[in-house]
Amino acid sequence: MLKNMLHVPLVEFRSATKPFSAKRRELKKALLAYEGGFLSIESGELTVVMRAEGDWCGRAQFAPDILRALATVPPNQNPVTISYADGHLLV
């Protein structure tokens, strides 16, 4: 398995990221981290956690607009695959 690649059940991804889709919520730079089978995404004062499988080293930062887009129109694939390499987040 590649470094910095996670698989998240689609139903969990949709449920966990839903709070980020609220238009009145001000989002800050997003931070993604993985430890012990759980993926966390943080933006400002809001942090969500979901089950995930894979291999991840460190943390990934990305723009709040990307987080809002993923929460508003989540991917259709199950599981959702998330990877990070060379400063780019791929979902």
N, C-alpha and C. Protein backbone atom coordinates (compact mmCIF):
# COMPACT_ATOMS: atom_id res chain seq x y z
N MET A 1 0.84 -1.18 0.00
CA MET A 1 0.00 0.00 0.00
C MET A 1 0.88 1.25 0.00
N LEU A 2 0.48 2.26 -0.74
CA LEU A 2 1.25 3.50 -0.83
C LEU A 2 1.19 4.29 0.46
N LYS A 3 2.24 5.04 0.74
CA LYS A 3 2.23 5.96 1.88
C LYS A 3 1.21 7.04 1.62
N ASN A 4 0.62 7.54 2.69
CA ASN A 4 -0.35 8.62 2.62
C ASN A 4 -1.54 8.31 1.72
N MET A 5 -2.10 7.13 1.91
CA MET A 5 -3.33 6.75 1.23
C MET A 5 -4.28 6.12 2.23
N LEU A 6 -5.50 6.66 2.28
CA LEU A 6 -6.51 6.17 3.21
C LEU A 6 -7.78 5.79 2.46
N HIS A 7 -8.54 4.89 3.06
CA HIS A 7 -9.83 4.47 2.52
C HIS A 7 -10.87 4.67 3.63
N VAL A 8 -11.92 5.44 3.30
CA VAL A 8 -12.96 5.78 4.25
C VAL A 8 -14.30 5.30 3.71
N PRO A 9 -15.10 4.57 4.50
CA PRO A 9 -16.43 4.18 4.03
C PRO A 9 -17.23 5.42 3.63
N LEU A 10 -17.87 5.37 2.47
CA LEU A 10 -18.58 6.51 1.93
C LEU A 10 -19.61 7.08 2.90
N VAL A 11 -20.38 6.21 3.54
CA VAL A 11 -21.42 6.68 4.46
C VAL A 11 -20.81 7.46 5.62
N GLU A 12 -19.66 7.04 6.11
CA GLU A 12 -18.98 7.76 7.20
C GLU A 12 -18.44 9.09 6.71
N PHE A 13 -17.85 9.10 5.52
CA PHE A 13 -17.30 10.33 4.97
C PHE A 13 -18.39 11.38 4.82
N ARG A 14 -19.52 10.99 4.24
CA ARG A 14 -20.64 11.92 4.04
C ARG A 14 -21.16 12.47 5.38
N SER A 15 -21.35 11.58 6.33
CA SER A 15 -21.88 11.98 7.62
C SER A 15 -20.92 12.90 8.37
N ALA A 16 -19.65 12.53 8.39
CA ALA A 16 -18.66 13.28 9.17
C ALA A 16 -18.38 14.66 8.56
N THR A 17 -18.36 14.77 7.25
CA THR A 17 -18.00 16.05 6.63
C THR A 17 -19.18 17.01 6.46
N LYS A 18 -20.39 16.54 6.69
CA LYS A 18 -21.59 17.37 6.49
C LYS A 18 -21.53 18.72 7.20
N PRO A 19 -21.03 18.82 8.45
CA PRO A 19 -20.99 20.12 9.12
C PRO A 19 -20.17 21.18 8.36
N PHE A 20 -19.22 20.75 7.55
CA PHE A 20 -18.39 21.70 6.81
C PHE A 20 -19.12 22.32 5.62
N SER A 21 -20.29 21.79 5.26
CA SER A 21 -21.01 22.30 4.09
C SER A 21 -21.88 23.52 4.41
N ALA A 22 -22.10 23.82 5.68
CA ALA A 22 -22.94 24.96 6.06
C ALA A 22 -22.32 26.26 5.55
N LYS A 23 -23.07 26.99 4.73
CA LYS A 23 -22.54 28.22 4.11
C LYS A 23 -22.24 29.31 5.14
N ARG A 24 -22.97 29.34 6.23
CA ARG A 24 -22.73 30.39 7.22
C ARG A 24 -21.53 30.07 8.13
N ARG A 25 -21.03 28.86 8.06
CA ARG A 25 -19.87 28.48 8.88
C ARG A 25 -18.59 28.99 8.21
N GLU A 26 -17.81 29.76 8.96
CA GLU A 26 -16.54 30.25 8.43
C GLU A 26 -15.49 29.16 8.63
N LEU A 27 -14.91 28.71 7.54
CA LEU A 27 -13.88 27.67 7.61
C LEU A 27 -12.50 28.30 7.52
N LYS A 28 -11.58 27.71 8.22
CA LYS A 28 -10.16 28.10 8.17
C LYS A 28 -9.41 27.02 7.40
N LYS A 29 -8.12 27.18 7.26
CA LYS A 29 -7.30 26.17 6.59
C LYS A 29 -7.59 24.81 7.22
N ALA A 30 -7.80 23.81 6.39
CA ALA A 30 -8.15 22.47 6.87
C ALA A 30 -6.88 21.67 7.18
N LEU A 31 -6.97 20.86 8.21
CA LEU A 31 -5.88 20.00 8.63
C LEU A 31 -6.40 18.57 8.72
N LEU A 32 -5.75 17.65 8.05
CA LEU A 32 -6.15 16.25 8.03
C LEU A 32 -5.05 15.43 8.71
N ALA A 33 -5.45 14.55 9.62
CA ALA A 33 -4.50 13.68 10.32
C ALA A 33 -5.13 12.30 10.50
N TYR A 34 -4.28 11.28 10.64
CA TYR A 34 -4.74 9.90 10.79
C TYR A 34 -3.92 9.24 11.88
N GLU A 35 -4.64 8.56 12.79
CA GLU A 35 -3.95 7.81 13.84
C GLU A 35 -4.88 6.74 14.40
N GLY A 36 -4.36 5.55 14.57
CA GLY A 36 -5.09 4.47 15.22
C GLY A 36 -6.40 4.09 14.57
N GLY A 37 -6.48 4.17 13.24
CA GLY A 37 -7.70 3.79 12.55
C GLY A 37 -8.73 4.89 12.41
N PHE A 38 -8.38 6.10 12.83
CA PHE A 38 -9.31 7.21 12.75
C PHE A 38 -8.70 8.40 12.00
N LEU A 39 -9.48 8.93 11.08
CA LEU A 39 -9.11 10.11 10.31
C LEU A 39 -9.80 11.31 10.94
N SER A 40 -9.06 12.38 11.18
CA SER A 40 -9.67 13.60 11.70
C SER A 40 -9.43 14.73 10.70
N ILE A 41 -10.46 15.58 10.57
CA ILE A 41 -10.34 16.78 9.75
C ILE A 41 -10.75 17.93 10.63
N GLU A 42 -9.90 18.95 10.66
CA GLU A 42 -10.11 20.11 11.52
C GLU A 42 -10.09 21.37 10.67
N SER A 43 -11.01 22.27 10.96
CA SER A 43 -11.02 23.59 10.32
C SER A 43 -11.59 24.58 11.33
N GLY A 44 -10.77 25.51 11.76
CA GLY A 44 -11.19 26.44 12.80
C GLY A 44 -11.48 25.69 14.08
N GLU A 45 -12.66 25.93 14.65
CA GLU A 45 -13.03 25.28 15.91
C GLU A 45 -13.74 23.95 15.72
N LEU A 46 -13.96 23.54 14.48
CA LEU A 46 -14.69 22.30 14.21
C LEU A 46 -13.74 21.17 13.84
N THR A 47 -13.88 20.04 14.52
CA THR A 47 -13.11 18.84 14.21
C THR A 47 -14.08 17.68 14.07
N VAL A 48 -13.90 16.89 13.00
CA VAL A 48 -14.72 15.69 12.81
C VAL A 48 -13.78 14.48 12.74
N VAL A 49 -14.32 13.33 13.11
CA VAL A 49 -13.54 12.09 13.13
C VAL A 49 -14.34 10.99 12.44
N MET A 50 -13.64 10.15 11.68
CA MET A 50 -14.29 9.03 11.00
C MET A 50 -13.32 7.86 10.95
N ARG A 51 -13.87 6.64 10.82
CA ARG A 51 -13.03 5.45 10.68
C ARG A 51 -12.36 5.46 9.31
N ALA A 52 -11.12 4.95 9.26
CA ALA A 52 -10.40 4.86 7.99
C ALA A 52 -9.37 3.75 8.10
N GLU A 53 -8.93 3.29 6.93
CA GLU A 53 -7.87 2.28 6.86
C GLU A 53 -6.81 2.76 5.90
N GLY A 54 -5.58 2.44 6.18
CA GLY A 54 -4.51 2.79 5.27
C GLY A 54 -3.24 3.15 5.99
N ASP A 55 -2.41 3.89 5.30
CA ASP A 55 -1.11 4.29 5.81
C ASP A 55 -0.96 5.79 5.62
N TRP A 56 -0.63 6.49 6.68
CA TRP A 56 -0.54 7.95 6.60
C TRP A 56 0.55 8.42 7.54
N CYS A 57 1.42 9.27 7.06
CA CYS A 57 2.50 9.83 7.88
C CYS A 57 2.33 11.34 7.93
N GLY A 58 2.25 11.89 9.11
CA GLY A 58 2.16 13.33 9.25
C GLY A 58 0.76 13.87 9.07
N ARG A 59 0.71 15.13 8.63
CA ARG A 59 -0.57 15.82 8.46
C ARG A 59 -0.60 16.48 7.09
N ALA A 60 -1.80 16.69 6.60
CA ALA A 60 -1.98 17.39 5.33
C ALA A 60 -2.78 18.65 5.59
N GLN A 61 -2.38 19.75 4.99
CA GLN A 61 -3.14 20.99 5.08
C GLN A 61 -3.67 21.31 3.69
N PHE A 62 -4.89 21.85 3.65
CA PHE A 62 -5.47 22.24 2.37
C PHE A 62 -6.47 23.36 2.57
N ALA A 63 -6.85 23.98 1.47
CA ALA A 63 -7.70 25.17 1.50
C ALA A 63 -9.11 24.85 2.00
N PRO A 64 -9.70 25.78 2.73
CA PRO A 64 -11.07 25.57 3.23
C PRO A 64 -12.09 25.43 2.10
N ASP A 65 -11.84 26.04 0.96
CA ASP A 65 -12.77 25.91 -0.18
C ASP A 65 -12.86 24.46 -0.66
N ILE A 66 -11.74 23.76 -0.62
CA ILE A 66 -11.73 22.35 -1.02
C ILE A 66 -12.54 21.52 -0.03
N LEU A 67 -12.37 21.81 1.25
CA LEU A 67 -13.11 21.09 2.28
C LEU A 67 -14.61 21.32 2.11
N ARG A 68 -15.03 22.56 1.89
CA ARG A 68 -16.45 22.85 1.71
C ARG A 68 -16.99 22.14 0.46
N ALA A 69 -16.22 22.13 -0.62
CA ALA A 69 -16.66 21.45 -1.84
C ALA A 69 -16.83 19.95 -1.61
N LEU A 70 -15.89 19.33 -0.90
CA LEU A 70 -15.99 17.89 -0.61
C LEU A 70 -17.18 17.59 0.28
N ALA A 71 -17.49 18.49 1.21
CA ALA A 71 -18.62 18.28 2.11
C ALA A 71 -19.94 18.51 1.40
N THR A 72 -19.98 19.46 0.48
CA THR A 72 -21.21 19.80 -0.23
C THR A 72 -21.55 18.76 -1.30
N VAL A 73 -20.53 18.32 -2.04
CA VAL A 73 -20.73 17.32 -3.10
C VAL A 73 -19.68 16.22 -2.88
N PRO A 74 -19.95 15.29 -1.95
CA PRO A 74 -18.97 14.24 -1.66
C PRO A 74 -18.78 13.30 -2.85
N PRO A 75 -17.63 12.64 -2.91
CA PRO A 75 -17.39 11.67 -3.98
C PRO A 75 -18.43 10.55 -3.92
N ASN A 76 -18.61 9.85 -5.04
CA ASN A 76 -19.55 8.73 -5.09
C ASN A 76 -18.90 7.38 -4.85
N GLN A 77 -17.59 7.32 -4.95
CA GLN A 77 -16.91 6.03 -4.82
C GLN A 77 -16.97 5.52 -3.39
N ASN A 78 -17.06 4.21 -3.24
CA ASN A 78 -17.06 3.59 -1.93
C ASN A 78 -16.04 2.46 -1.94
N PRO A 79 -15.03 2.55 -1.11
CA PRO A 79 -14.74 3.59 -0.15
C PRO A 79 -14.15 4.83 -0.82
N VAL A 80 -14.20 5.94 -0.09
CA VAL A 80 -13.56 7.17 -0.56
C VAL A 80 -12.06 7.01 -0.33
N THR A 81 -11.27 7.25 -1.38
CA THR A 81 -9.82 7.13 -1.28
C THR A 81 -9.24 8.53 -1.17
N ILE A 82 -8.39 8.72 -0.17
CA ILE A 82 -7.74 10.00 0.06
C ILE A 82 -6.23 9.76 0.05
N SER A 83 -5.53 10.54 -0.76
CA SER A 83 -4.07 10.43 -0.77
C SER A 83 -3.46 11.84 -0.79
N TYR A 84 -2.20 11.90 -0.40
CA TYR A 84 -1.50 13.19 -0.31
C TYR A 84 -0.07 12.96 -0.72
N ALA A 85 0.39 13.72 -1.72
CA ALA A 85 1.76 13.61 -2.18
C ALA A 85 2.19 14.93 -2.83
N ASP A 86 3.42 15.31 -2.60
CA ASP A 86 3.99 16.50 -3.20
C ASP A 86 3.11 17.73 -3.00
N GLY A 87 2.51 17.86 -1.82
CA GLY A 87 1.69 19.01 -1.51
C GLY A 87 0.32 19.02 -2.14
N HIS A 88 -0.12 17.88 -2.70
CA HIS A 88 -1.44 17.80 -3.34
C HIS A 88 -2.31 16.75 -2.67
N LEU A 89 -3.53 17.13 -2.36
CA LEU A 89 -4.52 16.23 -1.79
C LEU A 89 -5.37 15.68 -2.92
N LEU A 90 -5.51 14.37 -2.98
CA LEU A 90 -6.32 13.72 -4.01
C LEU A 90 -7.44 12.93 -3.33
N VAL A 91 -8.67 13.18 -3.76
CA VAL A 91 -9.82 12.48 -3.19
C VAL A 91 -10.59 11.84 -4.31
